[in-house]
């Protein structure tokens, strides 16, 4: 769980008197696995190992699409595939 994403509020600057806080929608394991085109159990294992950016809410893993996108763009390395 070393690379956990942190929920951070985003201030809406359009409202000057009382700024509204908006949060990026988080994905459950099924949705994130579909996005990455991998099996949900594989994604859960990767989350437990800290390979993929994730966080837990209770017993459930949650993922931010933006964190997954950044992780993929950073040049994902694994034992099977080297980074180019």
PDB file of N, CA and C in Angstrom:
ATOM      1  N   UNK A   1       0.806  -1.195   0.000  1.00  0.00           N
ATOM      2  CA  UNK A   1       0.000   0.000   0.000  1.00  0.00           C
ATOM      3  C   UNK A   1       0.846   1.254   0.000  1.00  0.00           C
ATOM      4  N   UNK A   2       2.068   1.179  -0.484  1.00  0.00           N
ATOM      5  CA  UNK A   2       2.957   2.316  -0.472  1.00  0.00           C
ATOM      6  C   UNK A   2       2.569   3.428  -1.416  1.00  0.00           C
ATOM      7  N   UNK A   3       1.986   3.092  -2.554  1.00  0.00           N
ATOM      8  CA  UNK A   3       1.642   4.099  -3.561  1.00  0.00           C
ATOM      9  C   UNK A   3       0.152   4.358  -3.563  1.00  0.00           C
ATOM     10  N   UNK A   4      -0.396   4.752  -2.449  1.00  0.00           N
ATOM     11  CA  UNK A   4      -1.821   4.988  -2.366  1.00  0.00           C
ATOM     12  C   UNK A   4      -2.167   6.380  -2.844  1.00  0.00           C
ATOM     13  N   UNK A   5      -3.244   6.459  -3.592  1.00  0.00           N
ATOM     14  CA  UNK A   5      -3.734   7.766  -4.019  1.00  0.00           C
ATOM     15  C   UNK A   5      -4.434   8.420  -2.830  1.00  0.00           C
ATOM     16  N   UNK A   6      -4.367   9.717  -2.765  1.00  0.00           N
ATOM     17  CA  UNK A   6      -4.976  10.459  -1.675  1.00  0.00           C
ATOM     18  C   UNK A   6      -6.088  11.315  -2.243  1.00  0.00           C
ATOM     19  N   UNK A   7      -7.261  11.254  -1.599  1.00  0.00           N
ATOM     20  CA  UNK A   7      -8.369  12.098  -2.033  1.00  0.00           C
ATOM     21  C   UNK A   7      -8.044  13.536  -1.691  1.00  0.00           C
ATOM     22  N   UNK A   8      -8.064  14.381  -2.699  1.00  0.00           N
ATOM     23  CA  UNK A   8      -7.777  15.790  -2.484  1.00  0.00           C
ATOM     24  C   UNK A   8      -8.912  16.623  -3.055  1.00  0.00           C
ATOM     25  N   UNK A   9      -9.448  17.543  -2.261  1.00  0.00           N
ATOM     26  CA  UNK A   9     -10.540  18.379  -2.766  1.00  0.00           C
ATOM     27  C   UNK A   9     -10.048  19.332  -3.845  1.00  0.00           C
ATOM     28  N   UNK A  10     -10.934  19.627  -4.760  1.00  0.00           N
ATOM     29  CA  UNK A  10     -10.636  20.588  -5.818  1.00  0.00           C
ATOM     30  C   UNK A  10     -11.588  21.752  -5.641  1.00  0.00           C
ATOM     31  N   UNK A  11     -11.039  22.937  -5.514  1.00  0.00           N
ATOM     32  CA  UNK A  11     -11.869  24.120  -5.306  1.00  0.00           C
ATOM     33  C   UNK A  11     -12.387  24.644  -6.623  1.00  0.00           C
ATOM     34  N   UNK A  12     -13.672  24.943  -6.669  1.00  0.00           N
ATOM     35  CA  UNK A  12     -14.316  25.493  -7.852  1.00  0.00           C
ATOM     36  C   UNK A  12     -14.218  27.011  -7.764  1.00  0.00           C
ATOM     37  N   UNK A  13     -13.359  27.629  -8.575  1.00  0.00           N
ATOM     38  CA  UNK A  13     -13.114  29.066  -8.490  1.00  0.00           C
ATOM     39  C   UNK A  13     -14.238  29.899  -9.104  1.00  0.00           C
ATOM     40  N   UNK A  14     -15.196  29.253  -9.750  1.00  0.00           N
ATOM     41  CA  UNK A  14     -16.301  30.007 -10.360  1.00  0.00           C
ATOM     42  C   UNK A  14     -17.206  30.626  -9.303  1.00  0.00           C
ATOM     43  N   UNK A  15     -17.260  30.011  -8.131  1.00  0.00           N
ATOM     44  CA  UNK A  15     -18.095  30.543  -7.064  1.00  0.00           C
ATOM     45  C   UNK A  15     -17.210  31.311  -6.095  1.00  0.00           C
ATOM     46  N   UNK A  16     -17.337  32.628  -6.101  1.00  0.00           N
ATOM     47  CA  UNK A  16     -16.443  33.463  -5.296  1.00  0.00           C
ATOM     48  C   UNK A  16     -16.845  33.503  -3.819  1.00  0.00           C
ATOM     49  N   UNK A  17     -18.145  33.431  -3.513  1.00  0.00           N
ATOM     50  CA  UNK A  17     -18.585  33.568  -2.133  1.00  0.00           C
ATOM     51  C   UNK A  17     -18.355  32.292  -1.326  1.00  0.00           C
ATOM     52  N   UNK A  18     -18.812  31.175  -1.808  1.00  0.00           N
ATOM     53  CA  UNK A  18     -18.629  29.912  -1.080  1.00  0.00           C
ATOM     54  C   UNK A  18     -18.115  28.862  -2.063  1.00  0.00           C
ATOM     55  N   UNK A  19     -16.817  28.639  -2.038  1.00  0.00           N
ATOM     56  CA  UNK A  19     -16.240  27.682  -2.982  1.00  0.00           C
ATOM     57  C   UNK A  19     -16.786  26.267  -2.760  1.00  0.00           C
ATOM     58  N   UNK A  20     -17.125  25.606  -3.846  1.00  0.00           N
ATOM     59  CA  UNK A  20     -17.644  24.240  -3.780  1.00  0.00           C
ATOM     60  C   UNK A  20     -16.485  23.259  -3.924  1.00  0.00           C
ATOM     61  N   UNK A  21     -16.553  22.193  -3.171  1.00  0.00           N
ATOM     62  CA  UNK A  21     -15.541  21.151  -3.272  1.00  0.00           C
ATOM     63  C   UNK A  21     -16.097  20.046  -4.154  1.00  0.00           C
ATOM     64  N   UNK A  22     -15.326  19.679  -5.167  1.00  0.00           N
ATOM     65  CA  UNK A  22     -15.740  18.572  -6.032  1.00  0.00           C
ATOM     66  C   UNK A  22     -14.663  17.499  -5.970  1.00  0.00           C
ATOM     67  N   UNK A  23     -15.085  16.249  -6.062  1.00  0.00           N
ATOM     68  CA  UNK A  23     -14.172  15.126  -6.023  1.00  0.00           C
ATOM     69  C   UNK A  23     -14.273  14.348  -7.317  1.00  0.00           C
ATOM     70  N   UNK A  24     -13.135  13.833  -7.746  1.00  0.00           N
ATOM     71  CA  UNK A  24     -13.124  12.948  -8.904  1.00  0.00           C
ATOM     72  C   UNK A  24     -13.815  11.647  -8.503  1.00  0.00           C
ATOM     73  N   UNK A  25     -14.676  11.166  -9.364  1.00  0.00           N
ATOM     74  CA  UNK A  25     -15.356   9.898  -9.112  1.00  0.00           C
ATOM     75  C   UNK A  25     -14.319   8.785  -9.053  1.00  0.00           C
ATOM     76  N   UNK A  26     -14.434   7.898  -8.090  1.00  0.00           N
ATOM     77  CA  UNK A  26     -13.506   6.778  -7.988  1.00  0.00           C
ATOM     78  C   UNK A  26     -14.126   5.548  -8.635  1.00  0.00           C
ATOM     79  N   UNK A  27     -13.253   4.683  -9.136  1.00  0.00           N
ATOM     80  CA  UNK A  27     -13.688   3.461  -9.803  1.00  0.00           C
ATOM     81  C   UNK A  27     -13.593   2.282  -8.847  1.00  0.00           C
ATOM     82  N   UNK A  28     -14.538   1.354  -8.966  1.00  0.00           N
ATOM     83  CA  UNK A  28     -14.399   0.125  -8.199  1.00  0.00           C
ATOM     84  C   UNK A  28     -13.486  -0.822  -8.978  1.00  0.00           C
ATOM     85  N   UNK A  29     -13.220  -1.979  -8.423  1.00  0.00           N
ATOM     86  CA  UNK A  29     -12.287  -2.919  -9.042  1.00  0.00           C
ATOM     87  C   UNK A  29     -12.749  -3.347 -10.427  1.00  0.00           C
ATOM     88  N   UNK A  30     -14.022  -3.617 -10.572  1.00  0.00           N
ATOM     89  CA  UNK A  30     -14.559  -4.067 -11.868  1.00  0.00           C
ATOM     90  C   UNK A  30     -14.376  -2.990 -12.934  1.00  0.00           C
ATOM     91  N   UNK A  31     -14.702  -1.745 -12.590  1.00  0.00           N
ATOM     92  CA  UNK A  31     -14.591  -0.649 -13.550  1.00  0.00           C
ATOM     93  C   UNK A  31     -13.134  -0.385 -13.933  1.00  0.00           C
ATOM     94  N   UNK A  32     -12.249  -0.379 -12.933  1.00  0.00           N
ATOM     95  CA  UNK A  32     -10.835  -0.127 -13.206  1.00  0.00           C
ATOM     96  C   UNK A  32     -10.226  -1.257 -14.024  1.00  0.00           C
ATOM     97  N   UNK A  33     -10.606  -2.494 -13.718  1.00  0.00           N
ATOM     98  CA  UNK A  33     -10.093  -3.647 -14.468  1.00  0.00           C
ATOM     99  C   UNK A  33     -10.553  -3.587 -15.918  1.00  0.00           C
ATOM    100  N   UNK A  34     -11.773  -3.176 -16.141  1.00  0.00           N
ATOM    101  CA  UNK A  34     -12.279  -3.016 -17.509  1.00  0.00           C
ATOM    102  C   UNK A  34     -11.491  -1.936 -18.236  1.00  0.00           C
ATOM    103  N   UNK A  35     -11.230  -0.842 -17.556  1.00  0.00           N
ATOM    104  CA  UNK A  35     -10.461   0.258 -18.139  1.00  0.00           C
ATOM    105  C   UNK A  35      -9.059  -0.208 -18.534  1.00  0.00           C
ATOM    106  N   UNK A  36      -8.430  -1.009 -17.681  1.00  0.00           N
ATOM    107  CA  UNK A  36      -7.074  -1.497 -17.942  1.00  0.00           C
ATOM    108  C   UNK A  36      -7.045  -2.778 -18.784  1.00  0.00           C
ATOM    109  N   UNK A  37      -8.212  -3.347 -19.006  1.00  0.00           N
ATOM    110  CA  UNK A  37      -8.359  -4.582 -19.783  1.00  0.00           C
ATOM    111  C   UNK A  37      -7.588  -5.742 -19.150  1.00  0.00           C
ATOM    112  N   UNK A  38      -7.756  -5.877 -17.830  1.00  0.00           N
ATOM    113  CA  UNK A  38      -7.184  -6.998 -17.099  1.00  0.00           C
ATOM    114  C   UNK A  38      -8.262  -7.594 -16.200  1.00  0.00           C
ATOM    115  N   UNK A  39      -7.996  -8.769 -15.653  1.00  0.00           N
ATOM    116  CA  UNK A  39      -8.957  -9.437 -14.782  1.00  0.00           C
ATOM    117  C   UNK A  39      -9.020  -8.706 -13.432  1.00  0.00           C
ATOM    118  N   UNK A  40     -10.209  -8.573 -12.850  1.00  0.00           N
ATOM    119  CA  UNK A  40     -10.347  -7.881 -11.561  1.00  0.00           C
ATOM    120  C   UNK A  40      -9.475  -8.474 -10.449  1.00  0.00           C
ATOM    121  N   UNK A  41      -9.324  -9.786 -10.409  1.00  0.00           N
ATOM    122  CA  UNK A  41      -8.483 -10.418  -9.380  1.00  0.00           C
ATOM    123  C   UNK A  41      -7.017 -10.028  -9.567  1.00  0.00           C
ATOM    124  N   UNK A  42      -6.582  -9.900 -10.812  1.00  0.00           N
ATOM    125  CA  UNK A  42      -5.216  -9.459 -11.091  1.00  0.00           C
ATOM    126  C   UNK A  42      -5.024  -8.039 -10.584  1.00  0.00           C
ATOM    127  N   UNK A  43      -6.001  -7.191 -10.821  1.00  0.00           N
ATOM    128  CA  UNK A  43      -5.924  -5.805 -10.365  1.00  0.00           C
ATOM    129  C   UNK A  43      -5.902  -5.733  -8.842  1.00  0.00           C
ATOM    130  N   UNK A  44      -6.702  -6.537  -8.167  1.00  0.00           N
ATOM    131  CA  UNK A  44      -6.698  -6.551  -6.707  1.00  0.00           C
ATOM    132  C   UNK A  44      -5.338  -6.990  -6.167  1.00  0.00           C
ATOM    133  N   UNK A  45      -4.741  -7.987  -6.802  1.00  0.00           N
ATOM    134  CA  UNK A  45      -3.414  -8.446  -6.384  1.00  0.00           C
ATOM    135  C   UNK A  45      -2.388  -7.327  -6.569  1.00  0.00           C
ATOM    136  N   UNK A  46      -2.461  -6.638  -7.710  1.00  0.00           N
ATOM    137  CA  UNK A  46      -1.538  -5.530  -7.972  1.00  0.00           C
ATOM    138  C   UNK A  46      -1.724  -4.421  -6.945  1.00  0.00           C
ATOM    139  N   UNK A  47      -2.965  -4.157  -6.545  1.00  0.00           N
ATOM    140  CA  UNK A  47      -3.249  -3.131  -5.546  1.00  0.00           C
ATOM    141  C   UNK A  47      -2.662  -3.536  -4.189  1.00  0.00           C
ATOM    142  N   UNK A  48      -2.844  -4.799  -3.799  1.00  0.00           N
ATOM    143  CA  UNK A  48      -2.282  -5.281  -2.525  1.00  0.00           C
ATOM    144  C   UNK A  48      -0.766  -5.151  -2.498  1.00  0.00           C
ATOM    145  N   UNK A  49      -0.133  -5.417  -3.634  1.00  0.00           N
ATOM    146  CA  UNK A  49       1.329  -5.356  -3.733  1.00  0.00           C
ATOM    147  C   UNK A  49       1.850  -3.925  -3.866  1.00  0.00           C
ATOM    148  N   UNK A  50       0.950  -2.966  -4.110  1.00  0.00           N
ATOM    149  CA  UNK A  50       1.359  -1.580  -4.280  1.00  0.00           C
ATOM    150  C   UNK A  50       1.884  -1.275  -5.671  1.00  0.00           C
ATOM    151  N   UNK A  51       1.621  -2.164  -6.615  1.00  0.00           N
ATOM    152  CA  UNK A  51       2.084  -1.990  -7.991  1.00  0.00           C
ATOM    153  C   UNK A  51       1.280  -0.925  -8.723  1.00  0.00           C
ATOM    154  N   UNK A  52       0.005  -0.854  -8.438  1.00  0.00           N
ATOM    155  CA  UNK A  52      -0.901   0.070  -9.115  1.00  0.00           C
ATOM    156  C   UNK A  52      -1.429   1.064  -8.073  1.00  0.00           C
ATOM    157  N   UNK A  53      -1.634   2.340  -8.459  1.00  0.00           N
ATOM    158  CA  UNK A  53      -2.147   3.315  -7.494  1.00  0.00           C
ATOM    159  C   UNK A  53      -3.588   2.996  -7.101  1.00  0.00           C
ATOM    160  N   UNK A  54      -3.796   2.779  -5.818  1.00  0.00           N
ATOM    161  CA  UNK A  54      -5.118   2.398  -5.316  1.00  0.00           C
ATOM    162  C   UNK A  54      -5.225   2.768  -3.850  1.00  0.00           C
ATOM    163  N   UNK A  55      -6.433   2.743  -3.341  1.00  0.00           N
ATOM    164  CA  UNK A  55      -6.651   2.947  -1.916  1.00  0.00           C
ATOM    165  C   UNK A  55      -7.846   2.118  -1.503  1.00  0.00           C
ATOM    166  N   UNK A  56      -7.931   1.866  -0.226  1.00  0.00           N
ATOM    167  CA  UNK A  56      -9.019   1.040   0.296  1.00  0.00           C
ATOM    168  C   UNK A  56     -10.012   1.892   1.059  1.00  0.00           C
ATOM    169  N   UNK A  57     -11.263   1.563   0.875  1.00  0.00           N
ATOM    170  CA  UNK A  57     -12.338   2.114   1.688  1.00  0.00           C
ATOM    171  C   UNK A  57     -13.002   0.883   2.310  1.00  0.00           C
ATOM    172  N   UNK A  58     -12.752   0.689   3.571  1.00  0.00           N
ATOM    173  CA  UNK A  58     -13.218  -0.535   4.221  1.00  0.00           C
ATOM    174  C   UNK A  58     -12.484  -1.728   3.635  1.00  0.00           C
ATOM    175  N   UNK A  59     -13.231  -2.691   3.143  1.00  0.00           N
ATOM    176  CA  UNK A  59     -12.648  -3.889   2.535  1.00  0.00           C
ATOM    177  C   UNK A  59     -12.521  -3.778   1.023  1.00  0.00           C
ATOM    178  N   UNK A  60     -12.929  -2.655   0.457  1.00  0.00           N
ATOM    179  CA  UNK A  60     -13.005  -2.524  -0.997  1.00  0.00           C
ATOM    180  C   UNK A  60     -11.888  -1.649  -1.557  1.00  0.00           C
ATOM    181  N   UNK A  61     -11.331  -2.074  -2.663  1.00  0.00           N
ATOM    182  CA  UNK A  61     -10.314  -1.280  -3.358  1.00  0.00           C
ATOM    183  C   UNK A  61     -10.998  -0.253  -4.243  1.00  0.00           C
ATOM    184  N   UNK A  62     -10.427   0.923  -4.305  1.00  0.00           N
ATOM    185  CA  UNK A  62     -10.930   1.989  -5.169  1.00  0.00           C
ATOM    186  C   UNK A  62      -9.751   2.574  -5.946  1.00  0.00           C
ATOM    187  N   UNK A  63     -10.059   3.092  -7.128  1.00  0.00           N
ATOM    188  CA  UNK A  63      -9.044   3.575  -8.057  1.00  0.00           C
ATOM    189  C   UNK A  63      -9.504   4.886  -8.677  1.00  0.00           C
ATOM    190  N   UNK A  64      -8.558   5.792  -8.897  1.00  0.00           N
ATOM    191  CA  UNK A  64      -8.850   7.034  -9.630  1.00  0.00           C
ATOM    192  C   UNK A  64      -8.406   6.824 -11.070  1.00  0.00           C
ATOM    193  N   UNK A  65      -9.261   7.147 -12.012  1.00  0.00           N
ATOM    194  CA  UNK A  65      -8.906   7.007 -13.425  1.00  0.00           C
ATOM    195  C   UNK A  65      -7.699   7.870 -13.759  1.00  0.00           C
ATOM    196  N   UNK A  66      -7.614   9.063 -13.181  1.00  0.00           N
ATOM    197  CA  UNK A  66      -6.483   9.960 -13.464  1.00  0.00           C
ATOM    198  C   UNK A  66      -5.172   9.375 -12.934  1.00  0.00           C
ATOM    199  N   UNK A  67      -5.207   8.717 -11.769  1.00  0.00           N
ATOM    200  CA  UNK A  67      -4.002   8.104 -11.211  1.00  0.00           C
ATOM    201  C   UNK A  67      -3.574   6.906 -12.052  1.00  0.00           C
ATOM    202  N   UNK A  68      -4.551   6.133 -12.540  1.00  0.00           N
ATOM    203  CA  UNK A  68      -4.234   4.994 -13.407  1.00  0.00           C
ATOM    204  C   UNK A  68      -3.630   5.477 -14.722  1.00  0.00           C
ATOM    205  N   UNK A  69      -4.182   6.553 -15.268  1.00  0.00           N
ATOM    206  CA  UNK A  69      -3.663   7.114 -16.513  1.00  0.00           C
ATOM    207  C   UNK A  69      -2.229   7.596 -16.327  1.00  0.00           C
ATOM    208  N   UNK A  70      -1.977   8.300 -15.238  1.00  0.00           N
ATOM    209  CA  UNK A  70      -0.621   8.791 -14.947  1.00  0.00           C
ATOM    210  C   UNK A  70       0.347   7.616 -14.761  1.00  0.00           C
ATOM    211  N   UNK A  71      -0.111   6.581 -14.074  1.00  0.00           N
ATOM    212  CA  UNK A  71       0.704   5.384 -13.844  1.00  0.00           C
ATOM    213  C   UNK A  71       1.077   4.730 -15.178  1.00  0.00           C
ATOM    214  N   UNK A  72       0.118   4.623 -16.076  1.00  0.00           N
ATOM    215  CA  UNK A  72       0.389   4.027 -17.391  1.00  0.00           C
ATOM    216  C   UNK A  72       1.342   4.890 -18.206  1.00  0.00           C
ATOM    217  N   UNK A  73       1.137   6.206 -18.172  1.00  0.00           N
ATOM    218  CA  UNK A  73       1.985   7.118 -18.946  1.00  0.00           C
ATOM    219  C   UNK A  73       3.411   7.200 -18.401  1.00  0.00           C
ATOM    220  N   UNK A  74       3.597   6.847 -17.139  1.00  0.00           N
ATOM    221  CA  UNK A  74       4.920   6.930 -16.527  1.00  0.00           C
ATOM    222  C   UNK A  74       5.849   5.813 -16.990  1.00  0.00           C
ATOM    223  N   UNK A  75       5.339   4.912 -17.809  1.00  0.00           N
ATOM    224  CA  UNK A  75       6.166   3.819 -18.304  1.00  0.00           C
ATOM    225  C   UNK A  75       6.178   2.661 -17.345  1.00  0.00           C
ATOM    226  N   UNK A  76       5.075   1.969 -17.269  1.00  0.00           N
ATOM    227  CA  UNK A  76       4.917   0.839 -16.369  1.00  0.00           C
ATOM    228  C   UNK A  76       5.986  -0.209 -16.659  1.00  0.00           C
ATOM    229  N   UNK A  77       6.680  -0.627 -15.617  1.00  0.00           N
ATOM    230  CA  UNK A  77       7.699  -1.677 -15.726  1.00  0.00           C
ATOM    231  C   UNK A  77       7.237  -2.903 -14.957  1.00  0.00           C
ATOM    232  N   UNK A  78       7.588  -4.049 -15.440  1.00  0.00           N
ATOM    233  CA  UNK A  78       7.312  -5.277 -14.722  1.00  0.00           C
ATOM    234  C   UNK A  78       8.431  -6.258 -14.955  1.00  0.00           C
ATOM    235  N   UNK A  79       8.393  -7.385 -14.281  1.00  0.00           N
ATOM    236  CA  UNK A  79       9.422  -8.397 -14.463  1.00  0.00           C
ATOM    237  C   UNK A  79       9.345  -9.027 -15.844  1.00  0.00           C
ATOM    238  N   UNK A  80       8.156  -9.049 -16.415  1.00  0.00           N
ATOM    239  CA  UNK A  80       7.953  -9.675 -17.727  1.00  0.00           C
ATOM    240  C   UNK A  80       8.284  -8.753 -18.888  1.00  0.00           C
ATOM    241  N   UNK A  81       8.041  -7.446 -18.700  1.00  0.00           N
ATOM    242  CA  UNK A  81       8.240  -6.480 -19.786  1.00  0.00           C
ATOM    243  C   UNK A  81       9.138  -5.349 -19.297  1.00  0.00           C
ATOM    244  N   UNK A  82      10.177  -5.080 -20.022  1.00  0.00           N
ATOM    245  CA  UNK A  82      11.064  -3.995 -19.625  1.00  0.00           C
ATOM    246  C   UNK A  82      10.539  -2.667 -20.160  1.00  0.00           C
ATOM    247  N   UNK A  83      10.905  -1.606 -19.489  1.00  0.00           N
ATOM    248  CA  UNK A  83      10.542  -0.265 -19.969  1.00  0.00           C
ATOM    249  C   UNK A  83      11.466   0.105 -21.120  1.00  0.00           C
ATOM    250  N   UNK A  84      10.897   0.772 -22.084  1.00  0.00           N
ATOM    251  CA  UNK A  84      11.687   1.177 -23.247  1.00  0.00           C
ATOM    252  C   UNK A  84      12.029   2.626 -23.183  1.00  0.00           C
TER     253      UNK A  84
END
